Amino acid sequence: MEPARLDELMDMALAEARAALDHGDVPIGAVVARVDSGEVLAARHNEREATADPTAHAEILALRDAAVALGTWRLDGCALVVTLEPCAMCAGAAVNARVDLIAFGATDPKAGATGSLYNLAADPRLNHECLVLDGIRAEEASDLLRGFFSARRP
């Protein structure tokens, strides 16, 4: 996928992340797009607070919507672009969905599962591996998260 297209997709993910603020959710956004054409299949943000659902992470919601759009759970040929490094649940879902690429902005040293704490995307013991690109507009994604948490922690 072209770097310029990844930047555009991250712009969409950042817009989704900002939408999470409207209902008090942690500002994380995710987009699923076709690797070859860049066609967007889904764009979502965290909805854990809005739905009282611990699994309502942006990545999970976007992967579900992309599967519906394609009519299959197999998302090979797709990229997951997310503002924050996916956690174990989300990285596991991406691997199980067979996405080709996970691209993210900010690293998550406390819960990141695509390189920081774990690396589920490149574990040869699993049935699929994903290419991982990190640091895409990382400062913007980090600033959004820092602003959110600093407003909540006096």
Protein backbone atom coordinates (compact mmCIF):
# COMPACT_ATOMS: atom_id res chain seq x y z
CA MET A 1 0.00 0.00 0.00
CA GLU A 2 1.34 3.40 -0.93
CA PRO A 3 2.55 5.61 1.95
CA ALA A 4 0.27 8.45 0.79
CA ARG A 5 -2.76 6.14 0.95
CA LEU A 6 -1.75 4.92 4.42
CA ASP A 7 -1.57 8.56 5.50
CA GLU A 8 -5.10 9.17 4.15
CA LEU A 9 -6.40 6.09 5.92
CA MET A 10 -4.76 7.21 9.16
CA ASP A 11 -6.43 10.59 8.71
CA MET A 12 -9.77 8.75 8.62
CA ALA A 13 -8.80 6.71 11.70
CA LEU A 14 -7.86 9.89 13.57
CA ALA A 15 -11.24 11.42 12.66
CA GLU A 16 -12.93 8.29 14.01
CA ALA A 17 -10.85 8.55 17.19
CA ARG A 18 -12.02 12.12 17.72
CA ALA A 19 -15.64 10.93 17.32
CA ALA A 20 -15.15 8.62 20.32
CA LEU A 21 -14.72 11.70 22.49
CA ASP A 22 -18.38 12.60 21.92
CA HIS A 23 -19.45 9.74 24.17
CA GLY A 24 -16.53 9.60 26.58
CA ASP A 25 -14.68 6.71 24.99
CA VAL A 26 -10.90 6.49 24.69
CA PRO A 27 -10.10 8.16 21.34
CA ILE A 28 -9.02 5.25 19.19
CA GLY A 29 -10.09 4.88 15.58
CA ALA A 30 -9.68 2.09 13.05
CA VAL A 31 -10.16 1.69 9.31
CA VAL A 32 -10.19 -1.48 7.21
CA ALA A 33 -9.33 -1.06 3.54
CA ARG A 34 -8.34 -3.22 0.60
CA VAL A 35 -4.57 -3.31 0.18
CA ASP A 36 -4.66 -3.29 -3.63
CA SER A 37 -7.14 -0.48 -4.27
CA GLY A 38 -7.25 1.34 -0.93
CA GLU A 39 -11.05 1.04 -0.95
CA VAL A 40 -12.40 1.65 2.55
CA LEU A 41 -14.59 -1.17 3.82
CA ALA A 42 -15.16 0.05 7.38
CA ALA A 43 -14.24 2.89 9.73
CA ARG A 44 -15.06 2.80 13.45
CA HIS A 45 -14.05 4.15 16.84
CA ASN A 46 -14.11 2.81 20.39
CA GLU A 47 -17.61 2.33 21.78
CA ARG A 48 -16.94 0.54 25.06
CA GLU A 49 -18.46 3.30 27.18
CA ALA A 50 -21.29 3.99 24.74
CA THR A 51 -22.37 0.35 24.56
CA ALA A 52 -21.10 -1.04 27.90
CA ASP A 53 -19.34 -3.70 25.84
CA PRO A 54 -15.76 -4.58 26.78
CA THR A 55 -15.13 -5.92 23.27
CA ALA A 56 -16.27 -2.75 21.48
CA HIS A 57 -12.76 -1.70 20.51
CA ALA A 58 -12.44 0.26 17.27
CA GLU A 59 -10.54 -2.57 15.60
CA ILE A 60 -13.08 -5.26 16.48
CA LEU A 61 -15.98 -3.12 15.26
CA ALA A 62 -14.17 -2.23 12.01
CA LEU A 63 -13.21 -5.86 11.35
CA ARG A 64 -16.83 -6.94 11.91
CA ASP A 65 -18.15 -4.26 9.53
CA ALA A 66 -15.55 -5.14 6.88
CA ALA A 67 -16.53 -8.82 7.09
CA VAL A 68 -20.17 -7.87 6.56
CA ALA A 69 -19.21 -5.64 3.61
CA LEU A 70 -17.27 -8.47 1.98
CA GLY A 71 -19.67 -11.23 2.98
CA THR A 72 -16.87 -13.29 4.50
CA TRP A 73 -14.84 -13.44 7.70
CA ARG A 74 -11.66 -13.86 5.65
CA LEU A 75 -10.17 -10.40 5.24
CA ASP A 76 -7.11 -11.43 3.28
CA GLY A 77 -6.06 -8.63 0.98
CA CYS A 78 -7.08 -6.09 3.62
CA ALA A 79 -5.25 -3.65 5.87
CA LEU A 80 -6.24 -2.63 9.39
CA VAL A 81 -5.16 0.96 10.08
CA VAL A 82 -5.51 2.04 13.70
CA THR A 83 -4.42 5.01 15.77
CA LEU A 84 -3.04 2.92 18.66
CA GLU A 85 -1.17 -0.37 18.58
CA PRO A 86 -3.74 -3.17 18.88
CA CYS A 87 -4.15 -5.04 22.16
CA ALA A 88 -4.04 -8.85 22.33
CA MET A 89 -7.77 -9.17 21.60
CA CYS A 90 -7.62 -6.93 18.55
CA ALA A 91 -4.33 -8.27 17.22
CA GLY A 92 -5.72 -11.79 17.64
CA ALA A 93 -8.87 -10.83 15.75
CA ALA A 94 -6.78 -9.36 12.91
CA VAL A 95 -4.68 -12.53 12.70
CA ASN A 96 -7.80 -14.72 12.79
CA ALA A 97 -9.41 -12.57 10.08
CA ARG A 98 -6.27 -13.08 7.95
CA VAL A 99 -5.60 -9.38 7.34
CA ASP A 100 -2.41 -8.79 5.38
CA LEU A 101 -1.32 -5.56 7.04
CA ILE A 102 -1.70 -3.88 10.42
CA ALA A 103 -0.60 -0.24 10.38
CA PHE A 104 -0.78 1.88 13.50
CA GLY A 105 0.22 5.23 14.92
CA ALA A 106 1.15 5.25 18.60
CA THR A 107 2.78 2.31 20.32
CA ASP A 108 1.23 0.90 23.49
CA PRO A 109 3.93 -0.32 25.86
CA LYS A 110 1.32 -1.41 28.44
CA ALA A 111 -0.94 -3.52 26.22
CA GLY A 112 0.40 -3.50 22.65
CA ALA A 113 0.33 -6.89 20.97
CA THR A 114 1.94 -6.14 17.61
CA GLY A 115 5.45 -5.46 18.81
CA SER A 116 5.52 -3.63 22.14
CA LEU A 117 4.46 -6.15 24.78
CA TYR A 118 3.64 -9.13 22.55
CA ASN A 119 3.82 -9.70 18.81
CA LEU A 120 0.85 -11.83 17.82
CA ALA A 121 1.07 -10.62 14.22
CA ALA A 122 4.45 -12.30 13.74
CA ASP A 123 4.15 -15.38 15.92
CA PRO A 124 5.06 -18.40 13.74
CA ARG A 125 3.08 -20.69 16.06
CA LEU A 126 -0.15 -19.12 14.82
CA ASN A 127 -1.86 -19.99 11.55
CA HIS A 128 -1.33 -16.54 9.95
CA GLU A 129 1.11 -13.65 10.16
CA CYS A 130 0.47 -9.99 9.31
CA LEU A 131 2.91 -7.38 8.13
CA VAL A 132 3.09 -4.59 10.74
CA LEU A 133 3.92 -0.94 10.06
CA ASP A 134 4.14 1.37 13.06
CA GLY A 135 4.63 5.06 13.69
CA ILE A 136 2.18 6.37 11.09
CA ARG A 137 1.29 9.86 12.35
CA ALA A 138 2.23 8.60 15.79
CA GLU A 139 2.58 12.05 17.33
CA GLU A 140 -0.98 13.05 16.39
CA ALA A 141 -2.37 9.80 17.76
CA SER A 142 -0.33 10.14 20.96
CA ASP A 143 -1.38 13.76 21.44
CA LEU A 144 -5.04 12.79 21.16
CA LEU A 145 -4.64 10.09 23.81
CA ARG A 146 -2.54 12.29 26.11
CA GLY A 147 -5.15 15.04 25.93
CA PHE A 148 -7.94 12.60 26.75
CA PHE A 149 -6.21 11.10 29.77
CA SER A 150 -4.83 14.38 31.12
CA ALA A 151 -8.37 15.77 31.18
CA ARG A 152 -9.48 12.78 33.28
CA ARG A 153 -6.56 12.67 35.68
CA PRO A 154 -6.22 15.87 37.72
